[in-house]
N, C-alpha and C. Protein backbone atom coordinates (compact mmCIF):
# COMPACT_ATOMS: atom_id res chain seq x y z
N UNK A 1 9.36 6.62 10.04
CA UNK A 1 7.89 5.62 10.73
C UNK A 1 8.23 4.44 10.35
N UNK A 2 9.10 3.51 9.73
CA UNK A 2 9.10 2.14 8.95
C UNK A 2 10.04 1.39 10.04
N UNK A 3 11.07 2.41 10.36
CA UNK A 3 11.79 2.27 11.40
C UNK A 3 11.63 1.75 12.89
N UNK A 4 10.21 2.83 13.38
CA UNK A 4 10.15 2.75 14.46
C UNK A 4 8.91 1.59 14.69
N UNK A 5 8.29 1.11 13.80
CA UNK A 5 7.55 -0.51 13.03
C UNK A 5 8.20 -1.35 13.00
N UNK A 6 9.54 -1.48 13.15
CA UNK A 6 10.27 -2.76 12.81
C UNK A 6 10.48 -3.31 10.98
N UNK A 7 9.92 -2.27 10.37
CA UNK A 7 9.97 -2.20 8.23
C UNK A 7 11.50 -1.91 8.24
N UNK A 8 11.05 -2.67 7.06
CA UNK A 8 12.26 -1.70 6.08
C UNK A 8 11.35 -0.94 4.98
N UNK A 9 12.27 0.03 4.73
CA UNK A 9 11.73 1.02 3.54
C UNK A 9 13.04 1.04 2.86
N UNK A 10 12.47 0.95 1.43
CA UNK A 10 13.53 0.74 0.27
C UNK A 10 12.95 1.44 -1.28
N UNK A 11 13.33 2.33 -1.32
CA UNK A 11 12.80 3.32 -2.71
C UNK A 11 13.11 2.35 -3.53
N UNK A 12 11.96 2.13 -4.27
CA UNK A 12 11.55 0.58 -5.59
C UNK A 12 11.64 1.75 -6.82
N UNK A 13 13.03 1.24 -7.74
CA UNK A 13 13.26 1.84 -8.54
C UNK A 13 13.11 1.24 -10.52
N UNK A 14 12.58 -0.17 -10.19
CA UNK A 14 12.81 -1.09 -10.83
C UNK A 14 11.63 -0.67 -11.81
N UNK A 15 11.97 -0.91 -13.82
CA UNK A 15 10.52 -0.33 -14.59
C UNK A 15 9.61 -0.73 -14.49
N UNK A 16 9.21 -1.81 -14.03
CA UNK A 16 7.70 -2.32 -13.69
C UNK A 16 7.43 -1.49 -12.10
N UNK A 17 7.73 -1.37 -11.60
CA UNK A 17 7.31 -0.50 -10.43
C UNK A 17 6.56 1.48 -11.26
N UNK A 18 7.54 1.82 -12.10
CA UNK A 18 7.43 3.09 -12.67
C UNK A 18 6.12 2.26 -13.71
N UNK A 19 5.97 1.29 -14.51
CA UNK A 19 4.83 1.29 -15.37
C UNK A 19 3.40 0.95 -14.31
N UNK A 20 3.60 0.53 -13.36
CA UNK A 20 2.77 -0.23 -12.00
C UNK A 20 1.92 1.44 -11.59
N UNK A 21 2.83 2.32 -11.76
CA UNK A 21 2.46 3.61 -10.54
C UNK A 21 3.08 4.56 -11.07
N UNK A 22 2.48 4.71 -12.65
CA UNK A 22 3.37 5.67 -13.60
C UNK A 22 3.24 7.57 -13.60
N UNK A 23 2.81 7.82 -12.32
CA UNK A 23 2.52 9.27 -12.03
C UNK A 23 3.11 9.47 -10.65
N UNK A 24 3.55 8.07 -9.69
CA UNK A 24 4.26 8.41 -8.67
C UNK A 24 5.19 9.11 -8.76
N UNK A 25 5.47 10.47 -7.97
CA UNK A 25 6.26 11.08 -7.51
C UNK A 25 7.36 10.13 -6.64
N UNK A 26 7.25 9.12 -5.90
CA UNK A 26 8.06 7.95 -5.21
C UNK A 26 7.42 7.29 -5.25
N UNK A 27 8.69 5.98 -5.04
CA UNK A 27 7.22 4.67 -5.38
C UNK A 27 9.09 3.95 -4.21
N UNK A 28 8.04 3.74 -3.05
CA UNK A 28 8.71 2.24 -2.64
C UNK A 28 8.49 1.26 -1.89
N UNK A 29 9.56 0.43 -1.33
CA UNK A 29 8.59 -0.88 -0.81
C UNK A 29 8.48 -0.42 0.62
N UNK A 30 7.92 -1.36 1.28
CA UNK A 30 7.79 -0.98 3.12
C UNK A 30 7.23 -2.46 3.32
N UNK A 31 8.19 -2.81 4.41
CA UNK A 31 8.01 -4.29 4.46
C UNK A 31 9.42 -5.09 5.36
N UNK A 32 9.45 -6.45 5.35
CA UNK A 32 10.40 -7.37 5.26
C UNK A 32 12.17 -7.13 5.43
N UNK A 33 12.56 -7.42 5.97
CA UNK A 33 14.22 -6.94 5.35
C UNK A 33 14.42 -8.33 4.62
N UNK A 34 13.96 -9.69 4.92
CA UNK A 34 13.94 -10.93 4.15
C UNK A 34 12.40 -11.30 4.20
N UNK A 35 12.24 -12.49 3.39
CA UNK A 35 11.29 -13.33 2.77
C UNK A 35 11.51 -14.45 3.86
N UNK A 36 10.14 -15.19 4.42
CA UNK A 36 10.19 -16.10 4.82
C UNK A 36 10.21 -15.94 6.23
N UNK A 37 9.99 -14.41 7.24
CA UNK A 37 10.01 -13.86 9.02
C UNK A 37 8.57 -14.10 8.51
N UNK A 38 7.38 -14.40 8.05
CA UNK A 38 6.25 -14.39 8.64
C UNK A 38 5.31 -15.39 7.98
N UNK A 39 3.97 -15.87 8.24
CA UNK A 39 3.29 -16.74 7.09
C UNK A 39 3.20 -15.88 6.13
N UNK A 40 2.82 -16.81 4.70
CA UNK A 40 2.58 -15.91 3.56
C UNK A 40 1.82 -15.56 3.61
N UNK A 41 0.54 -15.62 4.32
CA UNK A 41 -1.22 -15.00 4.72
C UNK A 41 -1.00 -13.95 5.52
N UNK A 42 -0.27 -13.52 6.18
CA UNK A 42 0.16 -12.76 7.16
C UNK A 42 -1.10 -11.64 7.03
N UNK A 43 -1.37 -11.18 5.71
CA UNK A 43 -2.12 -9.49 5.00
C UNK A 43 -3.47 -10.04 5.44
N UNK A 44 -3.83 -11.23 5.48
CA UNK A 44 -5.21 -11.44 5.75
C UNK A 44 -5.78 -11.86 6.81
N UNK A 45 -4.95 -11.64 7.96
CA UNK A 45 -5.28 -11.63 9.63
C UNK A 45 -5.44 -9.37 9.69
N UNK A 46 -6.42 -9.38 9.83
CA UNK A 46 -6.08 -7.51 10.66
C UNK A 46 -5.31 -7.49 11.76
N UNK A 47 -5.83 -8.70 12.48
CA UNK A 47 -4.87 -8.36 13.96
C UNK A 47 -2.91 -8.85 13.57
N UNK A 48 -3.01 -9.01 12.70
CA UNK A 48 -1.36 -9.60 12.48
C UNK A 48 -0.70 -7.93 12.51
N UNK A 49 0.72 -7.92 13.52
CA UNK A 49 1.40 -6.39 14.13
C UNK A 49 2.00 -6.05 12.62
N UNK A 50 2.34 -6.84 11.64
CA UNK A 50 2.17 -6.09 10.41
C UNK A 50 1.29 -5.20 9.51
N UNK A 51 0.07 -6.19 9.58
CA UNK A 51 -0.92 -5.07 9.66
C UNK A 51 -1.31 -4.01 10.20
N UNK A 52 -0.84 -3.88 12.01
CA UNK A 52 -1.47 -3.04 12.16
C UNK A 52 -0.19 -1.82 11.94
N UNK A 53 0.77 -2.31 11.70
CA UNK A 53 1.89 -1.28 11.56
C UNK A 53 1.92 -0.39 9.94
N UNK A 54 1.22 -1.22 8.99
CA UNK A 54 1.20 -0.75 8.05
C UNK A 54 -0.03 0.13 7.65
N UNK A 55 -1.05 -0.16 8.60
CA UNK A 55 -1.63 0.37 8.16
C UNK A 55 -2.00 1.78 8.87
N UNK A 56 -0.77 1.80 10.04
CA UNK A 56 -0.60 2.97 10.71
C UNK A 56 0.57 4.18 10.05
N UNK A 57 0.97 3.38 9.13
CA UNK A 57 1.66 4.52 8.62
C UNK A 57 1.14 4.55 7.12
N UNK A 58 0.37 3.78 6.34
CA UNK A 58 -0.22 4.64 5.20
C UNK A 58 -1.48 5.44 6.45
N UNK A 59 -2.46 5.29 7.20
CA UNK A 59 -3.13 6.50 7.35
C UNK A 59 -2.06 7.84 7.77
N UNK A 60 -0.96 7.77 8.02
CA UNK A 60 -0.57 8.98 8.53
C UNK A 60 -0.04 9.67 7.06
N UNK A 61 0.53 8.69 6.03
CA UNK A 61 1.18 9.36 4.53
C UNK A 61 -0.53 9.76 4.30
N UNK A 62 -1.38 9.50 4.21
CA UNK A 62 -2.71 9.89 3.64
C UNK A 62 -3.17 10.99 4.36
N UNK A 63 -2.61 11.39 5.61
CA UNK A 63 -3.33 12.16 6.33
C UNK A 63 -2.42 13.76 5.91
N UNK A 64 -1.43 13.95 5.17
CA UNK A 64 -0.45 14.58 4.72
C UNK A 64 -1.12 15.46 3.79
N UNK A 65 -1.11 16.79 3.88
CA UNK A 65 -1.46 18.11 3.01
C UNK A 65 -1.32 17.49 1.27
N UNK A 66 0.19 17.74 1.77
CA UNK A 66 1.03 17.29 0.36
C UNK A 66 0.78 15.96 -0.30
N UNK A 67 -0.03 14.97 0.25
CA UNK A 67 0.12 13.64 -0.84
C UNK A 67 -1.44 14.01 -1.12
N UNK A 68 -1.59 14.10 -2.85
CA UNK A 68 -3.01 14.28 -3.76
C UNK A 68 -3.18 12.55 -3.70
N UNK A 69 -1.93 11.50 -3.71
CA UNK A 69 -2.59 10.18 -4.34
C UNK A 69 -1.74 8.91 -4.20
N UNK A 70 -2.24 8.40 -2.76
CA UNK A 70 -1.39 6.91 -2.65
C UNK A 70 -2.09 6.15 -3.16
N UNK A 71 -0.69 5.20 -3.19
CA UNK A 71 -1.63 3.70 -4.09
C UNK A 71 -0.07 2.80 -3.39
N UNK A 72 -0.99 1.69 -3.09
CA UNK A 72 0.15 0.17 -2.63
C UNK A 72 -0.74 -0.83 -3.02
N UNK A 73 0.05 -2.10 -3.23
CA UNK A 73 -0.39 -3.18 -3.35
C UNK A 73 0.80 -4.29 -2.83
N UNK A 74 0.03 -5.57 -2.32
CA UNK A 74 0.28 -6.45 -0.57
C UNK A 74 0.99 -7.55 -1.39
N UNK A 75 1.85 -8.05 -0.85
CA UNK A 75 3.14 -9.18 -1.50
C UNK A 75 2.50 -10.23 -0.29
N UNK A 76 2.61 -11.10 -0.39
CA UNK A 76 2.45 -12.74 0.51
C UNK A 76 4.12 -12.30 1.16
N UNK A 77 5.01 -11.93 1.15
CA UNK A 77 6.10 -11.95 1.83
C UNK A 77 7.83 -11.66 0.79
N UNK A 78 7.27 -12.35 -0.41
CA UNK A 78 8.33 -12.18 -1.62
C UNK A 78 8.61 -10.84 -2.13
N UNK A 79 8.94 -11.46 -3.09
CA UNK A 79 8.88 -9.93 -3.93
C UNK A 79 8.06 -9.15 -4.63
N UNK A 80 7.21 -8.08 -4.05
CA UNK A 80 5.88 -7.79 -4.71
C UNK A 80 5.75 -7.07 -5.79
N UNK A 81 6.55 -7.15 -7.09
CA UNK A 81 6.30 -7.39 -8.22
C UNK A 81 7.20 -8.56 -8.96
N UNK A 82 7.35 -9.72 -8.43
CA UNK A 82 7.21 -10.65 -9.03
C UNK A 82 5.92 -11.84 -8.90
N UNK A 83 5.34 -12.25 -9.92
CA UNK A 83 4.52 -13.06 -10.26
C UNK A 83 3.03 -11.98 -9.94
N UNK A 84 2.89 -11.36 -10.94
CA UNK A 84 1.84 -10.03 -11.31
C UNK A 84 0.77 -10.59 -12.18
N UNK A 85 -0.12 -10.56 -11.88
CA UNK A 85 -0.92 -10.91 -13.13
C UNK A 85 -0.74 -10.07 -14.19
N UNK A 86 -1.54 -10.60 -15.51
CA UNK A 86 -1.42 -8.98 -16.37
C UNK A 86 -2.06 -7.71 -16.15
N UNK A 87 -3.19 -7.84 -15.69
CA UNK A 87 -4.22 -7.06 -15.54
C UNK A 87 -4.06 -7.15 -13.81
N UNK A 88 -3.70 -6.10 -13.73
CA UNK A 88 -3.73 -5.77 -11.99
C UNK A 88 -5.43 -5.57 -11.44
N UNK A 89 -6.17 -5.50 -10.75
CA UNK A 89 -7.49 -4.87 -10.33
C UNK A 89 -7.31 -3.48 -9.56
N UNK A 90 -7.29 -2.79 -9.70
CA UNK A 90 -7.43 -1.20 -8.99
C UNK A 90 -8.85 -0.88 -8.23
N UNK A 91 -8.47 -0.79 -6.57
CA UNK A 91 -9.67 -0.24 -6.00
C UNK A 91 -9.59 1.07 -5.66
N UNK A 92 -10.21 1.79 -6.44
CA UNK A 92 -9.76 3.46 -5.53
C UNK A 92 -11.03 4.22 -4.83
N UNK A 93 -10.28 4.72 -3.97
CA UNK A 93 -11.42 5.47 -2.68
C UNK A 93 -10.35 7.05 -2.48
N UNK A 94 -11.70 7.71 -2.35
CA UNK A 94 -11.53 9.31 -1.85
C UNK A 94 -10.30 9.09 -0.69
N UNK A 95 -9.73 10.56 -0.98
CA UNK A 95 -8.23 10.82 -0.14
C UNK A 95 -9.32 11.77 0.67
N UNK A 96 -10.04 12.55 -0.26
CA UNK A 96 -10.67 14.23 0.61
C UNK A 96 -11.38 13.59 2.20
N UNK A 97 -10.27 14.30 3.07
CA UNK A 97 -10.61 14.14 4.50
C UNK A 97 -12.08 15.00 4.84
N UNK A 98 -12.49 15.76 3.58
CA UNK A 98 -13.80 16.10 3.82
C UNK A 98 -15.12 15.28 3.29
N UNK A 99 -14.49 14.62 2.25
CA UNK A 99 -15.53 13.28 1.84
C UNK A 99 -16.36 12.69 2.76
N UNK A 100 -17.78 12.85 2.87
CA UNK A 100 -18.66 11.58 3.61
C UNK A 100 -18.26 10.51 3.14
N UNK A 101 -17.95 9.91 2.46
CA UNK A 101 -17.72 8.57 1.88
C UNK A 101 -15.91 8.15 1.87
N UNK A 102 -15.30 8.81 2.67
CA UNK A 102 -14.05 8.81 2.61
C UNK A 102 -13.68 7.23 3.61
N UNK A 103 -12.91 6.56 3.29
CA UNK A 103 -12.35 5.59 3.44
C UNK A 103 -10.43 5.69 4.05
N UNK A 104 -10.34 5.33 5.15
CA UNK A 104 -8.83 5.00 5.19
C UNK A 104 -8.30 4.20 4.77
N UNK A 105 -6.97 4.29 4.82
CA UNK A 105 -5.98 2.99 4.82
C UNK A 105 -6.13 2.11 5.73
N UNK A 106 -6.06 2.13 7.19
CA UNK A 106 -6.42 1.27 7.96
C UNK A 106 -7.75 0.83 8.15
N UNK A 107 -9.17 1.24 7.38
CA UNK A 107 -9.82 0.27 7.19
C UNK A 107 -9.75 -0.61 5.80
N UNK A 108 -9.20 -0.53 4.79
CA UNK A 108 -8.62 -1.28 3.72
C UNK A 108 -7.93 -2.09 4.15
N UNK A 109 -6.69 -2.52 5.18
CA UNK A 109 -6.29 -3.33 6.10
C UNK A 109 -6.84 -4.48 6.89
N UNK A 110 -8.36 -4.18 6.76
CA UNK A 110 -8.55 -5.50 7.56
C UNK A 110 -9.35 -6.27 6.12
N UNK A 111 -8.96 -6.56 5.09
CA UNK A 111 -9.55 -7.09 4.32
C UNK A 111 -8.09 -6.97 2.86
N UNK A 112 -7.40 -7.33 3.04
CA UNK A 112 -6.28 -6.95 1.65
C UNK A 112 -6.10 -8.30 0.98
N UNK A 113 -5.53 -8.19 -0.45
CA UNK A 113 -5.72 -9.16 -1.09
C UNK A 113 -4.36 -8.93 -1.98
N UNK A 114 -3.84 -10.01 -2.71
CA UNK A 114 -2.76 -9.55 -3.56
C UNK A 114 -3.79 -9.18 -4.51
N UNK A 115 -2.70 -8.80 -5.96
CA UNK A 115 -2.74 -8.81 -7.35
C UNK A 115 -4.04 -7.48 -7.47
N UNK A 116 -4.11 -6.27 -6.42
CA UNK A 116 -5.02 -5.47 -6.13
C UNK A 116 -3.57 -4.06 -6.19
N UNK A 117 -4.45 -3.18 -6.92
CA UNK A 117 -3.38 -1.55 -6.17
C UNK A 117 -4.63 -1.21 -5.53
N UNK A 118 -4.45 -0.93 -4.52
CA UNK A 118 -5.33 0.29 -3.17
C UNK A 118 -5.28 1.65 -4.04
N UNK A 119 -5.58 2.20 -3.99
CA UNK A 119 -5.42 3.96 -5.17
C UNK A 119 -6.47 4.56 -3.47
N UNK A 120 -5.70 6.08 -3.26
CA UNK A 120 -6.35 6.90 -2.07
C UNK A 120 -6.25 8.11 -2.69
N UNK A 121 -7.37 8.38 -3.34
CA UNK A 121 -6.75 9.61 -4.58
C UNK A 121 -7.56 10.73 -4.02
N UNK A 122 -7.07 12.40 -3.90
CA UNK A 122 -7.77 13.48 -3.41
C UNK A 122 -8.66 13.61 -4.82
N UNK A 123 -8.76 13.10 -6.31
CA UNK A 123 -9.34 13.59 -7.84
C UNK A 123 -9.98 12.36 -8.02
N UNK A 124 -11.40 13.39 -8.25
CA UNK A 124 -12.20 12.20 -7.80
C UNK A 124 -12.29 10.71 -9.20
N UNK A 125 -11.50 11.02 -9.92
CA UNK A 125 -11.85 9.56 -10.88
C UNK A 125 -10.83 8.73 -10.47
N UNK A 126 -10.09 9.14 -9.38
CA UNK A 126 -8.95 8.00 -8.90
C UNK A 126 -7.30 8.67 -9.52
N UNK A 127 -7.30 9.37 -10.96
CA UNK A 127 -5.72 9.76 -11.15
C UNK A 127 -5.10 10.65 -11.21
């Protein structure tokens, strides 16, 4: 999916990633193969091709029955784990497709912000 959208997919194994996403079975970086290839505020433009590509991939992943929780954070284009605040905000949404208040990742992608972890969970508490 990443290759079809001209994005880099790389497993993330640094201790900081493990601390941020402690219950994750798999942590990966999805993004650009180098920094500086797009404007620093690319994620604030819902019409940006990278926002659309990432939204499509996240929606696909969220639709997989085997996925119980999907979490992500956005970076302005550099290392996503660099310059993080001590306390990150977590915004939690229901992943259950039967839930009336379900929000898809692509809906959230129209208003992305850095320093926030977006959580889509089939668990009501988000953990």
